[in-house]
Amino acid sequence: MKVESAELHRDSAQLAGEILRLCQKAANRAGLALRKQLEEAGLDAAGLARTGLPTEADVARQEIVEEQDYDTEPQSWLRSV
């Protein structure tokens, strides 16, 4: 992970939250990739369910929630006219 030096001047709690959010997103996607590998290797649905690995729907749902909870819109263009 590379953190731009300008980001180090942000509020530390916000920066930590952003790093945690990105790590969780990466972990979900890695879990989904592993689930797909296990499925391709022939693990049945019951076995896949026991792994606890996320499904495509789980990952999509979580990313939608994150997009709604996390404000990624640039603030500069949100000016009253």
C-alpha atoms as a PDB file:
ATOM      1  CA  MET A   1       0.000   0.000   0.000  1.00  0.00           C
ATOM      2  CA  LYS A   2       1.276   3.430  -0.886  1.00  0.00           C
ATOM      3  CA  VAL A   3       0.007   6.529   0.913  1.00  0.00           C
ATOM      4  CA  GLU A   4       0.561   9.885  -0.735  1.00  0.00           C
ATOM      5  CA  SER A   5       2.399  12.296   1.551  1.00  0.00           C
ATOM      6  CA  ALA A   6      -0.433  14.831   1.279  1.00  0.00           C
ATOM      7  CA  GLU A   7      -2.795  12.235   2.794  1.00  0.00           C
ATOM      8  CA  LEU A   8      -0.665  12.141   5.945  1.00  0.00           C
ATOM      9  CA  HIS A   9      -1.813  15.674   6.749  1.00  0.00           C
ATOM     10  CA  ARG A  10      -5.464  14.579   6.954  1.00  0.00           C
ATOM     11  CA  ASP A  11      -7.249  13.799  10.167  1.00  0.00           C
ATOM     12  CA  SER A  12      -5.671  10.555  11.387  1.00  0.00           C
ATOM     13  CA  ALA A  13      -9.036   8.946  12.217  1.00  0.00           C
ATOM     14  CA  GLN A  14     -10.319   9.637   8.696  1.00  0.00           C
ATOM     15  CA  LEU A  15      -7.148   8.272   7.126  1.00  0.00           C
ATOM     16  CA  ALA A  16      -7.282   5.153   9.294  1.00  0.00           C
ATOM     17  CA  GLY A  17     -10.936   4.670   8.358  1.00  0.00           C
ATOM     18  CA  GLU A  18     -10.117   4.941   4.673  1.00  0.00           C
ATOM     19  CA  ILE A  19      -7.267   2.433   4.973  1.00  0.00           C
ATOM     20  CA  LEU A  20      -9.502   0.013   6.877  1.00  0.00           C
ATOM     21  CA  ARG A  21     -12.282   0.383   4.294  1.00  0.00           C
ATOM     22  CA  LEU A  22      -9.882  -0.367   1.438  1.00  0.00           C
ATOM     23  CA  CYS A  23      -8.426  -3.384   3.265  1.00  0.00           C
ATOM     24  CA  GLN A  24     -11.907  -4.800   3.893  1.00  0.00           C
ATOM     25  CA  LYS A  25     -12.833  -4.281   0.251  1.00  0.00           C
ATOM     26  CA  ALA A  26      -9.660  -6.068  -0.872  1.00  0.00           C
ATOM     27  CA  ALA A  27     -10.310  -8.934   1.561  1.00  0.00           C
ATOM     28  CA  ASN A  28     -13.872  -9.365   0.275  1.00  0.00           C
ATOM     29  CA  ARG A  29     -12.700  -9.478  -3.326  1.00  0.00           C
ATOM     30  CA  ALA A  30      -9.907 -11.930  -2.468  1.00  0.00           C
ATOM     31  CA  GLY A  31     -12.417 -14.131  -0.655  1.00  0.00           C
ATOM     32  CA  LEU A  32     -14.669 -14.074  -3.683  1.00  0.00           C
ATOM     33  CA  ALA A  33     -11.767 -15.043  -5.944  1.00  0.00           C
ATOM     34  CA  LEU A  34     -10.899 -17.960  -3.650  1.00  0.00           C
ATOM     35  CA  ARG A  35     -14.548 -19.064  -3.616  1.00  0.00           C
ATOM     36  CA  LYS A  36     -14.560 -19.093  -7.427  1.00  0.00           C
ATOM     37  CA  GLN A  37     -11.357 -21.164  -7.473  1.00  0.00           C
ATOM     38  CA  LEU A  38     -12.854 -23.695  -5.068  1.00  0.00           C
ATOM     39  CA  GLU A  39     -16.029 -23.853  -7.147  1.00  0.00           C
ATOM     40  CA  GLU A  40     -14.011 -24.459 -10.323  1.00  0.00           C
ATOM     41  CA  ALA A  41     -12.085 -27.189  -8.477  1.00  0.00           C
ATOM     42  CA  GLY A  42     -15.370 -29.003  -7.868  1.00  0.00           C
ATOM     43  CA  LEU A  43     -16.346 -28.091  -4.307  1.00  0.00           C
ATOM     44  CA  ASP A  44     -20.119 -28.506  -3.986  1.00  0.00           C
ATOM     45  CA  ALA A  45     -22.546 -25.796  -2.832  1.00  0.00           C
ATOM     46  CA  ALA A  46     -22.692 -27.126   0.725  1.00  0.00           C
ATOM     47  CA  GLY A  47     -18.909 -27.098   0.976  1.00  0.00           C
ATOM     48  CA  LEU A  48     -18.727 -23.584  -0.406  1.00  0.00           C
ATOM     49  CA  ALA A  49     -21.328 -22.418   2.104  1.00  0.00           C
ATOM     50  CA  ARG A  50     -19.277 -23.897   4.985  1.00  0.00           C
ATOM     51  CA  THR A  51     -16.198 -21.895   3.946  1.00  0.00           C
ATOM     52  CA  GLY A  52     -17.873 -18.642   4.872  1.00  0.00           C
ATOM     53  CA  LEU A  53     -16.346 -17.006   1.808  1.00  0.00           C
ATOM     54  CA  PRO A  54     -18.435 -14.206   0.295  1.00  0.00           C
ATOM     55  CA  THR A  55     -20.606 -14.705  -2.764  1.00  0.00           C
ATOM     56  CA  GLU A  56     -20.749 -12.279  -5.675  1.00  0.00           C
ATOM     57  CA  ALA A  57     -24.014 -10.945  -4.225  1.00  0.00           C
ATOM     58  CA  ASP A  58     -22.369 -10.436  -0.809  1.00  0.00           C
ATOM     59  CA  VAL A  59     -19.495  -8.463  -2.296  1.00  0.00           C
ATOM     60  CA  ALA A  60     -21.772  -6.370  -4.524  1.00  0.00           C
ATOM     61  CA  ARG A  61     -24.098  -5.609  -1.602  1.00  0.00           C
ATOM     62  CA  GLN A  62     -21.196  -4.567   0.638  1.00  0.00           C
ATOM     63  CA  GLU A  63     -19.702  -2.322  -2.032  1.00  0.00           C
ATOM     64  CA  ILE A  64     -23.054  -0.618  -2.604  1.00  0.00           C
ATOM     65  CA  VAL A  65     -23.383   0.012   1.136  1.00  0.00           C
ATOM     66  CA  GLU A  66     -19.844   1.428   1.204  1.00  0.00           C
ATOM     67  CA  GLU A  67     -20.592   3.743  -1.717  1.00  0.00           C
ATOM     68  CA  GLN A  68     -23.650   5.057   0.105  1.00  0.00           C
ATOM     69  CA  ASP A  69     -21.829   5.432   3.444  1.00  0.00           C
ATOM     70  CA  TYR A  70     -18.577   6.818   2.078  1.00  0.00           C
ATOM     71  CA  ASP A  71     -18.656  10.214   0.444  1.00  0.00           C
ATOM     72  CA  THR A  72     -16.368  10.011  -2.575  1.00  0.00           C
ATOM     73  CA  GLU A  73     -17.775  13.022  -4.410  1.00  0.00           C
ATOM     74  CA  PRO A  74     -15.359  15.902  -4.822  1.00  0.00           C
ATOM     75  CA  GLN A  75     -16.409  18.818  -2.661  1.00  0.00           C
ATOM     76  CA  SER A  76     -15.095  21.526  -4.997  1.00  0.00           C
ATOM     77  CA  TRP A  77     -17.958  21.357  -7.504  1.00  0.00           C
ATOM     78  CA  LEU A  78     -20.728  21.268  -4.863  1.00  0.00           C
ATOM     79  CA  ARG A  79     -21.216  25.015  -4.606  1.00  0.00           C
ATOM     80  CA  SER A  80     -24.455  26.917  -4.223  1.00  0.00           C
ATOM     81  CA  VAL A  81     -25.363  29.068  -7.221  1.00  0.00           C
END
